[in-house]
Amino acid sequence: MVNTTGIPVFEYAIVFGLVLFLLLKDILSVSEVQRKTIISSLNMVIGPLLVLFIATVVYKIIEIL
Protein backbone atom coordinates (compact mmCIF):
# COMPACT_ATOMS: atom_id res chain seq x y z
CA MET A 1 0.00 0.00 0.00
CA VAL A 2 1.12 3.52 -0.73
CA ASN A 3 -0.16 6.79 0.61
CA THR A 4 -0.82 9.82 -1.60
CA THR A 5 2.81 10.98 -1.75
CA GLY A 6 4.23 7.62 -2.82
CA ILE A 7 5.99 6.68 0.42
CA PRO A 8 5.26 3.09 1.46
CA VAL A 9 2.97 2.50 4.39
CA PHE A 10 4.98 -0.59 5.39
CA GLU A 11 7.61 1.43 7.24
CA TYR A 12 7.83 -1.07 10.10
CA ALA A 13 8.51 -3.90 7.65
CA ILE A 14 11.26 -1.81 6.05
CA VAL A 15 12.93 -1.16 9.41
CA PHE A 16 12.55 -4.79 10.50
CA GLY A 17 13.98 -6.09 7.21
CA LEU A 18 16.87 -3.64 7.27
CA VAL A 19 17.82 -4.54 10.83
CA LEU A 20 17.46 -8.24 10.09
CA PHE A 21 19.70 -8.17 7.02
CA LEU A 22 22.28 -5.92 8.73
CA LEU A 23 22.47 -8.34 11.66
CA LEU A 24 22.72 -11.29 9.29
CA LYS A 25 25.54 -9.60 7.39
CA ASP A 26 27.35 -8.81 10.64
CA ILE A 27 27.01 -12.39 11.88
CA LEU A 28 28.17 -13.88 8.59
CA SER A 29 31.09 -11.49 8.31
CA VAL A 30 32.65 -12.81 11.53
CA SER A 31 31.88 -16.46 10.89
CA GLU A 32 34.53 -18.86 9.66
CA VAL A 33 32.56 -19.70 6.54
CA GLN A 34 32.66 -16.44 4.63
CA ARG A 35 31.31 -16.57 1.17
CA LYS A 36 31.70 -13.50 -0.97
CA THR A 37 28.55 -14.33 -2.90
CA ILE A 38 26.43 -14.35 0.28
CA ILE A 39 27.85 -11.04 1.47
CA SER A 40 27.35 -9.56 -2.00
CA SER A 41 23.76 -10.79 -2.09
CA LEU A 42 23.11 -9.24 1.30
CA ASN A 43 24.54 -5.94 0.06
CA MET A 44 22.11 -6.03 -2.87
CA VAL A 45 19.21 -6.42 -0.42
CA ILE A 46 20.46 -3.87 2.11
CA GLY A 47 20.96 -1.10 -0.47
CA PRO A 48 17.33 -0.68 -1.56
CA LEU A 49 16.07 -1.12 2.01
CA LEU A 50 18.45 1.61 3.15
CA VAL A 51 17.16 3.95 0.44
CA LEU A 52 13.56 3.25 1.48
CA PHE A 53 14.45 3.78 5.14
CA ILE A 54 16.08 7.15 4.40
CA ALA A 55 13.11 8.20 2.26
CA THR A 56 10.72 7.25 5.06
CA VAL A 57 12.74 9.18 7.67
CA VAL A 58 12.89 12.27 5.44
CA TYR A 59 9.15 12.02 4.78
CA LYS A 60 8.38 11.74 8.50
CA ILE A 61 10.60 14.76 9.28
CA ILE A 62 8.89 16.84 6.59
CA GLU A 63 5.50 15.67 7.87
CA ILE A 64 6.34 16.92 11.38
CA LEU A 65 7.50 20.31 10.15
PDB file of N, CA and C in Angstrom:
ATOM      1  N   MET A   1       0.830  -1.176   0.000  1.00  0.00           N
ATOM      2  CA  MET A   1       0.000   0.000   0.000  1.00  0.00           C
ATOM      3  C   MET A   1       0.875   1.240   0.000  1.00  0.00           C
ATOM      4  N   VAL A   2       0.381   2.275  -0.622  1.00  0.00           N
ATOM      5  CA  VAL A   2       1.120   3.523  -0.730  1.00  0.00           C
ATOM      6  C   VAL A   2       0.177   4.665  -0.392  1.00  0.00           C
ATOM      7  N   ASN A   3       0.683   5.636   0.347  1.00  0.00           N
ATOM      8  CA  ASN A   3      -0.161   6.793   0.611  1.00  0.00           C
ATOM      9  C   ASN A   3      -0.087   7.757  -0.562  1.00  0.00           C
ATOM     10  N   THR A   4      -0.677   8.922  -0.447  1.00  0.00           N
ATOM     11  CA  THR A   4      -0.818   9.820  -1.598  1.00  0.00           C
ATOM     12  C   THR A   4       0.501  10.370  -2.115  1.00  0.00           C
ATOM     13  N   THR A   5       1.536  10.416  -1.295  1.00  0.00           N
ATOM     14  CA  THR A   5       2.807  10.977  -1.753  1.00  0.00           C
ATOM     15  C   THR A   5       3.759   9.924  -2.319  1.00  0.00           C
ATOM     16  N   GLY A   6       3.401   8.659  -2.238  1.00  0.00           N
ATOM     17  CA  GLY A   6       4.234   7.620  -2.815  1.00  0.00           C
ATOM     18  C   GLY A   6       5.160   6.938  -1.840  1.00  0.00           C
ATOM     19  N   ILE A   7       5.150   7.325  -0.586  1.00  0.00           N
ATOM     20  CA  ILE A   7       5.994   6.681   0.419  1.00  0.00           C
ATOM     21  C   ILE A   7       5.262   5.447   0.930  1.00  0.00           C
ATOM     22  N   PRO A   8       5.937   4.317   1.022  1.00  0.00           N
ATOM     23  CA  PRO A   8       5.264   3.093   1.455  1.00  0.00           C
ATOM     24  C   PRO A   8       4.712   3.189   2.874  1.00  0.00           C
ATOM     25  N   VAL A   9       3.601   2.536   3.073  1.00  0.00           N
ATOM     26  CA  VAL A   9       2.972   2.500   4.387  1.00  0.00           C
ATOM     27  C   VAL A   9       3.642   1.438   5.259  1.00  0.00           C
ATOM     28  N   PHE A  10       4.354   0.525   4.669  1.00  0.00           N
ATOM     29  CA  PHE A  10       4.976  -0.585   5.392  1.00  0.00           C
ATOM     30  C   PHE A  10       6.318  -0.178   5.999  1.00  0.00           C
ATOM     31  N   GLU A  11       6.342   0.937   6.702  1.00  0.00           N
ATOM     32  CA  GLU A  11       7.607   1.432   7.238  1.00  0.00           C
ATOM     33  C   GLU A  11       8.185   0.516   8.306  1.00  0.00           C
ATOM     34  N   TYR A  12       7.330  -0.146   9.079  1.00  0.00           N
ATOM     35  CA  TYR A  12       7.831  -1.067  10.100  1.00  0.00           C
ATOM     36  C   TYR A  12       8.474  -2.297   9.464  1.00  0.00           C
ATOM     37  N   ALA A  13       7.920  -2.763   8.364  1.00  0.00           N
ATOM     38  CA  ALA A  13       8.514  -3.895   7.653  1.00  0.00           C
ATOM     39  C   ALA A  13       9.868  -3.519   7.066  1.00  0.00           C
ATOM     40  N   ILE A  14       9.993  -2.280   6.597  1.00  0.00           N
ATOM     41  CA  ILE A  14      11.265  -1.811   6.048  1.00  0.00           C
ATOM     42  C   ILE A  14      12.325  -1.787   7.146  1.00  0.00           C
ATOM     43  N   VAL A  15      11.976  -1.242   8.297  1.00  0.00           N
ATOM     44  CA  VAL A  15      12.925  -1.163   9.413  1.00  0.00           C
ATOM     45  C   VAL A  15      13.294  -2.561   9.896  1.00  0.00           C
ATOM     46  N   PHE A  16      12.294  -3.423  10.052  1.00  0.00           N
ATOM     47  CA  PHE A  16      12.554  -4.792  10.503  1.00  0.00           C
ATOM     48  C   PHE A  16      13.454  -5.527   9.509  1.00  0.00           C
ATOM     49  N   GLY A  17      13.166  -5.422   8.221  1.00  0.00           N
ATOM     50  CA  GLY A  17      13.984  -6.092   7.208  1.00  0.00           C
ATOM     51  C   GLY A  17      15.399  -5.559   7.172  1.00  0.00           C
ATOM     52  N   LEU A  18      15.544  -4.234   7.283  1.00  0.00           N
ATOM     53  CA  LEU A  18      16.875  -3.638   7.267  1.00  0.00           C
ATOM     54  C   LEU A  18      17.700  -4.106   8.453  1.00  0.00           C
ATOM     55  N   VAL A  19      17.105  -4.082   9.639  1.00  0.00           N
ATOM     56  CA  VAL A  19      17.819  -4.537  10.834  1.00  0.00           C
ATOM     57  C   VAL A  19      18.166  -6.015  10.722  1.00  0.00           C
ATOM     58  N   LEU A  20      17.228  -6.807  10.241  1.00  0.00           N
ATOM     59  CA  LEU A  20      17.458  -8.245  10.092  1.00  0.00           C
ATOM     60  C   LEU A  20      18.626  -8.535   9.154  1.00  0.00           C
ATOM     61  N   PHE A  21      18.635  -7.902   7.984  1.00  0.00           N
ATOM     62  CA  PHE A  21      19.703  -8.165   7.025  1.00  0.00           C
ATOM     63  C   PHE A  21      21.041  -7.583   7.472  1.00  0.00           C
ATOM     64  N   LEU A  22      21.023  -6.453   8.190  1.00  0.00           N
ATOM     65  CA  LEU A  22      22.276  -5.920   8.726  1.00  0.00           C
ATOM     66  C   LEU A  22      22.858  -6.842   9.794  1.00  0.00           C
ATOM     67  N   LEU A  23      21.990  -7.381  10.652  1.00  0.00           N
ATOM     68  CA  LEU A  23      22.468  -8.340  11.656  1.00  0.00           C
ATOM     69  C   LEU A  23      22.991  -9.610  11.005  1.00  0.00           C
ATOM     70  N   LEU A  24      22.281 -10.085   9.996  1.00  0.00           N
ATOM     71  CA  LEU A  24      22.717 -11.292   9.287  1.00  0.00           C
ATOM     72  C   LEU A  24      24.065 -11.072   8.620  1.00  0.00           C
ATOM     73  N   LYS A  25      24.252  -9.904   8.017  1.00  0.00           N
ATOM     74  CA  LYS A  25      25.536  -9.600   7.386  1.00  0.00           C
ATOM     75  C   LYS A  25      26.647  -9.528   8.424  1.00  0.00           C
ATOM     76  N   ASP A  26      26.350  -8.927   9.568  1.00  0.00           N
ATOM     77  CA  ASP A  26      27.347  -8.815  10.636  1.00  0.00           C
ATOM     78  C   ASP A  26      27.725 -10.190  11.172  1.00  0.00           C
ATOM     79  N   ILE A  27      26.746 -11.041  11.382  1.00  0.00           N
ATOM     80  CA  ILE A  27      27.010 -12.392  11.883  1.00  0.00           C
ATOM     81  C   ILE A  27      27.810 -13.200  10.869  1.00  0.00           C
ATOM     82  N   LEU A  28      27.449 -13.106   9.602  1.00  0.00           N
ATOM     83  CA  LEU A  28      28.165 -13.876   8.587  1.00  0.00           C
ATOM     84  C   LEU A  28      29.569 -13.339   8.328  1.00  0.00           C
ATOM     85  N   SER A  29      29.768 -12.043   8.570  1.00  0.00           N
ATOM     86  CA  SER A  29      31.094 -11.485   8.309  1.00  0.00           C
ATOM     87  C   SER A  29      32.130 -11.951   9.330  1.00  0.00           C
ATOM     88  N   VAL A  30      31.698 -12.327  10.534  1.00  0.00           N
ATOM     89  CA  VAL A  30      32.651 -12.809  11.534  1.00  0.00           C
ATOM     90  C   VAL A  30      32.700 -14.330  11.602  1.00  0.00           C
ATOM     91  N   SER A  31      31.869 -14.998  10.848  1.00  0.00           N
ATOM     92  CA  SER A  31      31.881 -16.459  10.887  1.00  0.00           C
ATOM     93  C   SER A  31      33.070 -16.995  10.097  1.00  0.00           C
ATOM     94  N   GLU A  32      33.392 -18.242  10.343  1.00  0.00           N
ATOM     95  CA  GLU A  32      34.530 -18.860   9.658  1.00  0.00           C
ATOM     96  C   GLU A  32      34.215 -19.170   8.199  1.00  0.00           C
ATOM     97  N   VAL A  33      32.963 -19.371   7.905  1.00  0.00           N
ATOM     98  CA  VAL A  33      32.559 -19.699   6.538  1.00  0.00           C
ATOM     99  C   VAL A  33      32.074 -18.417   5.864  1.00  0.00           C
ATOM    100  N   GLN A  34      33.023 -17.668   5.335  1.00  0.00           N
ATOM    101  CA  GLN A  34      32.665 -16.436   4.633  1.00  0.00           C
ATOM    102  C   GLN A  34      32.587 -16.724   3.144  1.00  0.00           C
ATOM    103  N   ARG A  35      31.482 -16.426   2.609  1.00  0.00           N
ATOM    104  CA  ARG A  35      31.309 -16.565   1.170  1.00  0.00           C
ATOM    105  C   ARG A  35      31.055 -15.190   0.588  1.00  0.00           C
ATOM    106  N   LYS A  36      31.847 -14.821  -0.375  1.00  0.00           N
ATOM    107  CA  LYS A  36      31.704 -13.499  -0.969  1.00  0.00           C
ATOM    108  C   LYS A  36      30.368 -13.339  -1.678  1.00  0.00           C
ATOM    109  N   THR A  37      29.833 -14.427  -2.200  1.00  0.00           N
ATOM    110  CA  THR A  37      28.550 -14.327  -2.897  1.00  0.00           C
ATOM    111  C   THR A  37      27.410 -14.034  -1.918  1.00  0.00           C
ATOM    112  N   ILE A  38      27.479 -14.603  -0.720  1.00  0.00           N
ATOM    113  CA  ILE A  38      26.434 -14.354   0.279  1.00  0.00           C
ATOM    114  C   ILE A  38      26.492 -12.906   0.742  1.00  0.00           C
ATOM    115  N   ILE A  39      27.692 -12.422   1.026  1.00  0.00           N
ATOM    116  CA  ILE A  39      27.851 -11.038   1.469  1.00  0.00           C
ATOM    117  C   ILE A  39      27.415 -10.081   0.362  1.00  0.00           C
ATOM    118  N   SER A  40      27.757 -10.396  -0.874  1.00  0.00           N
ATOM    119  CA  SER A  40      27.353  -9.558  -2.001  1.00  0.00           C
ATOM    120  C   SER A  40      25.841  -9.555  -2.174  1.00  0.00           C
ATOM    121  N   SER A  41      25.216 -10.704  -1.992  1.00  0.00           N
ATOM    122  CA  SER A  41      23.761 -10.785  -2.094  1.00  0.00           C
ATOM    123  C   SER A  41      23.093  -9.979  -0.991  1.00  0.00           C
ATOM    124  N   LEU A  42      23.657 -10.030   0.206  1.00  0.00           N
ATOM    125  CA  LEU A  42      23.106  -9.239   1.300  1.00  0.00           C
ATOM    126  C   LEU A  42      23.255  -7.744   1.020  1.00  0.00           C
ATOM    127  N   ASN A  43      24.359  -7.349   0.417  1.00  0.00           N
ATOM    128  CA  ASN A  43      24.538  -5.941   0.060  1.00  0.00           C
ATOM    129  C   ASN A  43      23.493  -5.487  -0.949  1.00  0.00           C
ATOM    130  N   MET A  44      23.124  -6.381  -1.872  1.00  0.00           N
ATOM    131  CA  MET A  44      22.109  -6.027  -2.870  1.00  0.00           C
ATOM    132  C   MET A  44      20.733  -5.888  -2.234  1.00  0.00           C
ATOM    133  N   VAL A  45      20.490  -6.553  -1.124  1.00  0.00           N
ATOM    134  CA  VAL A  45      19.215  -6.424  -0.421  1.00  0.00           C
ATOM    135  C   VAL A  45      19.235  -5.207   0.493  1.00  0.00           C
ATOM    136  N   ILE A  46      20.358  -4.959   1.150  1.00  0.00           N
ATOM    137  CA  ILE A  46      20.464  -3.868   2.114  1.00  0.00           C
ATOM    138  C   ILE A  46      20.383  -2.509   1.418  1.00  0.00           C
ATOM    139  N   GLY A  47      20.952  -2.381   0.253  1.00  0.00           N
ATOM    140  CA  GLY A  47      20.963  -1.096  -0.467  1.00  0.00           C
ATOM    141  C   GLY A  47      19.579  -0.507  -0.694  1.00  0.00           C
ATOM    142  N   PRO A  48      18.674  -1.230  -1.356  1.00  0.00           N
ATOM    143  CA  PRO A  48      17.326  -0.676  -1.559  1.00  0.00           C
ATOM    144  C   PRO A  48      16.556  -0.444  -0.257  1.00  0.00           C
ATOM    145  N   LEU A  49      16.739  -1.325   0.730  1.00  0.00           N
ATOM    146  CA  LEU A  49      16.068  -1.118   2.011  1.00  0.00           C
ATOM    147  C   LEU A  49      16.585   0.135   2.701  1.00  0.00           C
ATOM    148  N   LEU A  50      17.873   0.410   2.566  1.00  0.00           N
ATOM    149  CA  LEU A  50      18.449   1.609   3.153  1.00  0.00           C
ATOM    150  C   LEU A  50      17.896   2.864   2.479  1.00  0.00           C
ATOM    151  N   VAL A  51      17.739   2.820   1.170  1.00  0.00           N
ATOM    152  CA  VAL A  51      17.162   3.952   0.440  1.00  0.00           C
ATOM    153  C   VAL A  51      15.719   4.184   0.889  1.00  0.00           C
ATOM    154  N   LEU A  52      14.944   3.116   1.017  1.00  0.00           N
ATOM    155  CA  LEU A  52      13.562   3.245   1.484  1.00  0.00           C
ATOM    156  C   LEU A  52      13.500   3.771   2.915  1.00  0.00           C
ATOM    157  N   PHE A  53      14.414   3.319   3.755  1.00  0.00           N
ATOM    158  CA  PHE A  53      14.455   3.785   5.137  1.00  0.00           C
ATOM    159  C   PHE A  53      14.752   5.278   5.191  1.00  0.00           C
ATOM    160  N   ILE A  54      15.727   5.725   4.430  1.00  0.00           N
ATOM    161  CA  ILE A  54      16.083   7.146   4.402  1.00  0.00           C
ATOM    162  C   ILE A  54      14.919   7.971   3.867  1.00  0.00           C
ATOM    163  N   ALA A  55      14.259   7.490   2.821  1.00  0.00           N
ATOM    164  CA  ALA A  55      13.106   8.200   2.264  1.00  0.00           C
ATOM    165  C   ALA A  55      11.982   8.298   3.284  1.00  0.00           C
ATOM    166  N   THR A  56      11.759   7.243   4.036  1.00  0.00           N
ATOM    167  CA  THR A  56      10.716   7.253   5.060  1.00  0.00           C
ATOM    168  C   THR A  56      11.056   8.230   6.177  1.00  0.00           C
ATOM    169  N   VAL A  57      12.318   8.258   6.603  1.00  0.00           N
ATOM    170  CA  VAL A  57      12.740   9.180   7.665  1.00  0.00           C
ATOM    171  C   VAL A  57      12.587  10.626   7.198  1.00  0.00           C
ATOM    172  N   VAL A  58      13.017  10.908   5.981  1.00  0.00           N
ATOM    173  CA  VAL A  58      12.892  12.267   5.443  1.00  0.00           C
ATOM    174  C   VAL A  58      11.423  12.664   5.344  1.00  0.00           C
ATOM    175  N   TYR A  59      10.583  11.745   4.891  1.00  0.00           N
ATOM    176  CA  TYR A  59       9.148  12.021   4.783  1.00  0.00           C
ATOM    177  C   TYR A  59       8.541  12.312   6.152  1.00  0.00           C
ATOM    178  N   LYS A  60       8.913  11.542   7.151  1.00  0.00           N
ATOM    179  CA  LYS A  60       8.381  11.741   8.499  1.00  0.00           C
ATOM    180  C   LYS A  60       8.846  13.085   9.070  1.00  0.00           C
ATOM    181  N   ILE A  61      10.095  13.470   8.804  1.00  0.00           N
ATOM    182  CA  ILE A  61      10.600  14.763   9.285  1.00  0.00           C
ATOM    183  C   ILE A  61       9.844  15.897   8.614  1.00  0.00           C
ATOM    184  N   ILE A  62       9.638  15.802   7.321  1.00  0.00           N
ATOM    185  CA  ILE A  62       8.891  16.837   6.595  1.00  0.00           C
ATOM    186  C   ILE A  62       7.443  16.890   7.081  1.00  0.00           C
ATOM    187  N   GLU A  63       6.882  15.743   7.377  1.00  0.00           N
ATOM    188  CA  GLU A  63       5.504  15.674   7.866  1.00  0.00           C
ATOM    189  C   GLU A  63       5.362  16.391   9.212  1.00  0.00           C
ATOM    190  N   ILE A  64       6.370  16.270  10.062  1.00  0.00           N
ATOM    191  CA  ILE A  64       6.335  16.918  11.378  1.00  0.00           C
ATOM    192  C   ILE A  64       6.452  18.431  11.233  1.00  0.00           C
ATOM    193  N   LEU A  65       7.316  18.877  10.326  1.00  0.00           N
ATOM    194  CA  LEU A  65       7.499  20.314  10.152  1.00  0.00           C
ATOM    195  C   LEU A  65       6.294  20.875   9.454  1.00  0.00           C
TER     196      LEU A  65
END
